[in-house]
Amino acid sequence: MKKQVLAAGCAALLAGALSLPALAQNVAVVNGKPVPKSRVDALAAQIDAQAARTGRPVPPGLKDQLKDEVIAREVFMQEAQREGLEGTPEFRNQMDLARQTILINELFANYAKKHPVTDAEA
């Protein structure tokens, strides 16, 4: 009996240890839905890119607030989904415009990488 209890305990510990990397990949769980750390990282990258474009430094403490921002966005997104806002024509129109903007920005960024401006051209 003791061996069975010990084996079950070891199995439970092993299962818990194996799930730790998955937990480390998430910053929170909102209403049962994991919020991945990659969202915080993506938002931080956007802030860094904007700071580089504008030449302005990132305000102190801003990056410390990103986790809370991403969690709040998840809460609001879930509520919008619950209310069925994803199916509205207004939402679909805004998504189409956002998609176009993102694709165009990616096109220009890709072109700039492939055709850097030389000192002679500047």
C-alpha atoms as a PDB file:
ATOM      1  CA  MET A   1       0.000   0.000   0.000  1.00  0.00           C
ATOM      2  CA  LYS A   2       2.799   2.402   0.916  1.00  0.00           C
ATOM      3  CA  LYS A   3       4.490   1.712  -2.416  1.00  0.00           C
ATOM      4  CA  GLN A   4       1.309   2.581  -4.302  1.00  0.00           C
ATOM      5  CA  VAL A   5       0.870   5.826  -2.376  1.00  0.00           C
ATOM      6  CA  LEU A   6       4.542   6.676  -2.912  1.00  0.00           C
ATOM      7  CA  ALA A   7       4.284   5.903  -6.635  1.00  0.00           C
ATOM      8  CA  ALA A   8       1.144   8.018  -6.960  1.00  0.00           C
ATOM      9  CA  GLY A   9       2.819  10.880  -5.104  1.00  0.00           C
ATOM     10  CA  CYS A  10       5.891  10.699  -7.340  1.00  0.00           C
ATOM     11  CA  ALA A  11       3.702  10.644 -10.441  1.00  0.00           C
ATOM     12  CA  ALA A  12       1.812  13.711  -9.220  1.00  0.00           C
ATOM     13  CA  LEU A  13       5.057  15.573  -8.503  1.00  0.00           C
ATOM     14  CA  LEU A  14       6.439  14.651 -11.902  1.00  0.00           C
ATOM     15  CA  ALA A  15       3.262  15.784 -13.657  1.00  0.00           C
ATOM     16  CA  GLY A  16       3.384  19.066 -11.749  1.00  0.00           C
ATOM     17  CA  ALA A  17       7.023  19.609 -12.626  1.00  0.00           C
ATOM     18  CA  LEU A  18       6.342  18.974 -16.299  1.00  0.00           C
ATOM     19  CA  SER A  19       3.574  21.567 -16.335  1.00  0.00           C
ATOM     20  CA  LEU A  20       5.776  24.320 -14.869  1.00  0.00           C
ATOM     21  CA  PRO A  21       7.206  25.421 -18.232  1.00  0.00           C
ATOM     22  CA  ALA A  22       3.665  25.904 -19.536  1.00  0.00           C
ATOM     23  CA  LEU A  23       2.811  28.073 -16.539  1.00  0.00           C
ATOM     24  CA  ALA A  24       5.989  30.098 -17.007  1.00  0.00           C
ATOM     25  CA  GLN A  25       4.881  30.901 -20.558  1.00  0.00           C
ATOM     26  CA  ASN A  26       1.753  32.638 -19.236  1.00  0.00           C
ATOM     27  CA  VAL A  27       1.572  35.840 -17.214  1.00  0.00           C
ATOM     28  CA  ALA A  28      -1.934  35.110 -15.944  1.00  0.00           C
ATOM     29  CA  VAL A  29      -5.097  33.106 -16.402  1.00  0.00           C
ATOM     30  CA  VAL A  30      -8.277  35.145 -16.953  1.00  0.00           C
ATOM     31  CA  ASN A  31     -11.556  33.269 -16.583  1.00  0.00           C
ATOM     32  CA  GLY A  32      -9.766  30.001 -17.294  1.00  0.00           C
ATOM     33  CA  LYS A  33      -7.991  31.327 -20.393  1.00  0.00           C
ATOM     34  CA  PRO A  34      -4.193  31.650 -20.269  1.00  0.00           C
ATOM     35  CA  VAL A  35      -2.635  34.998 -21.149  1.00  0.00           C
ATOM     36  CA  PRO A  36       0.701  34.235 -22.834  1.00  0.00           C
ATOM     37  CA  LYS A  37       3.882  36.087 -21.932  1.00  0.00           C
ATOM     38  CA  SER A  38       4.409  36.587 -25.666  1.00  0.00           C
ATOM     39  CA  ARG A  39       1.704  39.301 -25.587  1.00  0.00           C
ATOM     40  CA  VAL A  40       3.698  41.269 -23.016  1.00  0.00           C
ATOM     41  CA  ASP A  41       6.837  40.761 -25.099  1.00  0.00           C
ATOM     42  CA  ALA A  42       5.080  41.914 -28.291  1.00  0.00           C
ATOM     43  CA  LEU A  43       3.738  45.036 -26.593  1.00  0.00           C
ATOM     44  CA  ALA A  44       7.213  45.797 -25.202  1.00  0.00           C
ATOM     45  CA  ALA A  45       8.670  45.411 -28.704  1.00  0.00           C
ATOM     46  CA  GLN A  46       6.087  47.844 -30.087  1.00  0.00           C
ATOM     47  CA  ILE A  47       6.991  50.377 -27.411  1.00  0.00           C
ATOM     48  CA  ASP A  48      10.710  49.975 -28.133  1.00  0.00           C
ATOM     49  CA  ALA A  49      10.121  50.363 -31.878  1.00  0.00           C
ATOM     50  CA  GLN A  50       8.058  53.497 -31.355  1.00  0.00           C
ATOM     51  CA  ALA A  51      10.743  54.942 -29.081  1.00  0.00           C
ATOM     52  CA  ALA A  52      13.373  54.211 -31.728  1.00  0.00           C
ATOM     53  CA  ARG A  53      11.264  55.832 -34.481  1.00  0.00           C
ATOM     54  CA  THR A  54      10.517  58.965 -32.486  1.00  0.00           C
ATOM     55  CA  GLY A  55      13.869  59.257 -30.745  1.00  0.00           C
ATOM     56  CA  ARG A  56      12.122  59.559 -27.402  1.00  0.00           C
ATOM     57  CA  PRO A  57      13.133  57.319 -24.510  1.00  0.00           C
ATOM     58  CA  VAL A  58      10.673  54.874 -23.001  1.00  0.00           C
ATOM     59  CA  PRO A  59       9.271  56.510 -19.848  1.00  0.00           C
ATOM     60  CA  PRO A  60      10.556  54.952 -16.630  1.00  0.00           C
ATOM     61  CA  GLY A  61       8.230  52.329 -15.218  1.00  0.00           C
ATOM     62  CA  LEU A  62       6.190  51.948 -18.409  1.00  0.00           C
ATOM     63  CA  LYS A  63       7.387  48.423 -19.109  1.00  0.00           C
ATOM     64  CA  ASP A  64       6.551  47.439 -15.532  1.00  0.00           C
ATOM     65  CA  GLN A  65       2.905  48.232 -16.297  1.00  0.00           C
ATOM     66  CA  LEU A  66       2.695  46.015 -19.381  1.00  0.00           C
ATOM     67  CA  LYS A  67       1.606  42.868 -17.544  1.00  0.00           C
ATOM     68  CA  ASP A  68      -1.379  44.697 -16.029  1.00  0.00           C
ATOM     69  CA  GLU A  69      -2.192  46.221 -19.422  1.00  0.00           C
ATOM     70  CA  VAL A  70      -2.183  42.839 -21.159  1.00  0.00           C
ATOM     71  CA  ILE A  71      -4.379  41.317 -18.440  1.00  0.00           C
ATOM     72  CA  ALA A  72      -6.845  44.217 -18.672  1.00  0.00           C
ATOM     73  CA  ARG A  73      -6.970  43.824 -22.449  1.00  0.00           C
ATOM     74  CA  GLU A  74      -7.795  40.134 -22.035  1.00  0.00           C
ATOM     75  CA  VAL A  75     -10.625  40.943 -19.612  1.00  0.00           C
ATOM     76  CA  PHE A  76     -12.095  43.518 -22.000  1.00  0.00           C
ATOM     77  CA  MET A  77     -11.632  41.256 -25.013  1.00  0.00           C
ATOM     78  CA  GLN A  78     -13.473  38.411 -23.311  1.00  0.00           C
ATOM     79  CA  GLU A  79     -16.344  40.736 -22.455  1.00  0.00           C
ATOM     80  CA  ALA A  80     -16.535  42.020 -26.041  1.00  0.00           C
ATOM     81  CA  GLN A  81     -16.595  38.431 -27.289  1.00  0.00           C
ATOM     82  CA  ARG A  82     -19.283  37.532 -24.764  1.00  0.00           C
ATOM     83  CA  GLU A  83     -21.402  40.391 -26.100  1.00  0.00           C
ATOM     84  CA  GLY A  84     -20.924  39.134 -29.659  1.00  0.00           C
ATOM     85  CA  LEU A  85     -19.154  42.229 -30.927  1.00  0.00           C
ATOM     86  CA  GLU A  86     -16.854  40.209 -33.192  1.00  0.00           C
ATOM     87  CA  GLY A  87     -19.761  39.479 -35.494  1.00  0.00           C
ATOM     88  CA  THR A  88     -20.806  43.067 -36.122  1.00  0.00           C
ATOM     89  CA  PRO A  89     -20.203  44.761 -39.482  1.00  0.00           C
ATOM     90  CA  GLU A  90     -18.398  47.609 -37.698  1.00  0.00           C
ATOM     91  CA  PHE A  91     -15.925  45.180 -36.148  1.00  0.00           C
ATOM     92  CA  ARG A  92     -15.292  43.412 -39.452  1.00  0.00           C
ATOM     93  CA  ASN A  93     -14.706  46.748 -41.227  1.00  0.00           C
ATOM     94  CA  GLN A  94     -12.240  47.872 -38.572  1.00  0.00           C
ATOM     95  CA  MET A  95     -10.424  44.530 -38.762  1.00  0.00           C
ATOM     96  CA  ASP A  96     -10.137  44.834 -42.544  1.00  0.00           C
ATOM     97  CA  LEU A  97      -8.639  48.319 -42.225  1.00  0.00           C
ATOM     98  CA  ALA A  98      -6.256  47.198 -39.476  1.00  0.00           C
ATOM     99  CA  ARG A  99      -5.164  44.215 -41.587  1.00  0.00           C
ATOM    100  CA  GLN A 100      -4.489  46.493 -44.568  1.00  0.00           C
ATOM    101  CA  THR A 101      -2.473  48.891 -42.426  1.00  0.00           C
ATOM    102  CA  ILE A 102      -0.390  46.097 -40.912  1.00  0.00           C
ATOM    103  CA  LEU A 103       0.292  44.507 -44.307  1.00  0.00           C
ATOM    104  CA  ILE A 104       1.322  47.843 -45.824  1.00  0.00           C
ATOM    105  CA  ASN A 105       3.620  48.580 -42.875  1.00  0.00           C
ATOM    106  CA  GLU A 106       5.188  45.130 -43.239  1.00  0.00           C
ATOM    107  CA  LEU A 107       5.678  45.721 -46.977  1.00  0.00           C
ATOM    108  CA  PHE A 108       7.520  48.994 -46.347  1.00  0.00           C
ATOM    109  CA  ALA A 109       9.606  47.498 -43.529  1.00  0.00           C
ATOM    110  CA  ASN A 110      10.528  44.544 -45.725  1.00  0.00           C
ATOM    111  CA  TYR A 111      11.507  46.870 -48.579  1.00  0.00           C
ATOM    112  CA  ALA A 112      13.651  48.985 -46.252  1.00  0.00           C
ATOM    113  CA  LYS A 113      15.488  45.869 -45.042  1.00  0.00           C
ATOM    114  CA  LYS A 114      16.138  44.673 -48.580  1.00  0.00           C
ATOM    115  CA  HIS A 115      17.115  48.128 -49.897  1.00  0.00           C
ATOM    116  CA  PRO A 116      18.948  50.027 -47.156  1.00  0.00           C
ATOM    117  CA  VAL A 117      19.804  53.654 -47.819  1.00  0.00           C
ATOM    118  CA  THR A 118      23.527  54.145 -48.349  1.00  0.00           C
ATOM    119  CA  ASP A 119      25.550  57.134 -47.170  1.00  0.00           C
ATOM    120  CA  ALA A 120      25.882  58.280 -50.782  1.00  0.00           C
ATOM    121  CA  GLU A 121      22.108  58.308 -51.189  1.00  0.00           C
ATOM    122  CA  ALA A 122      21.448  60.120 -47.929  1.00  0.00           C
END
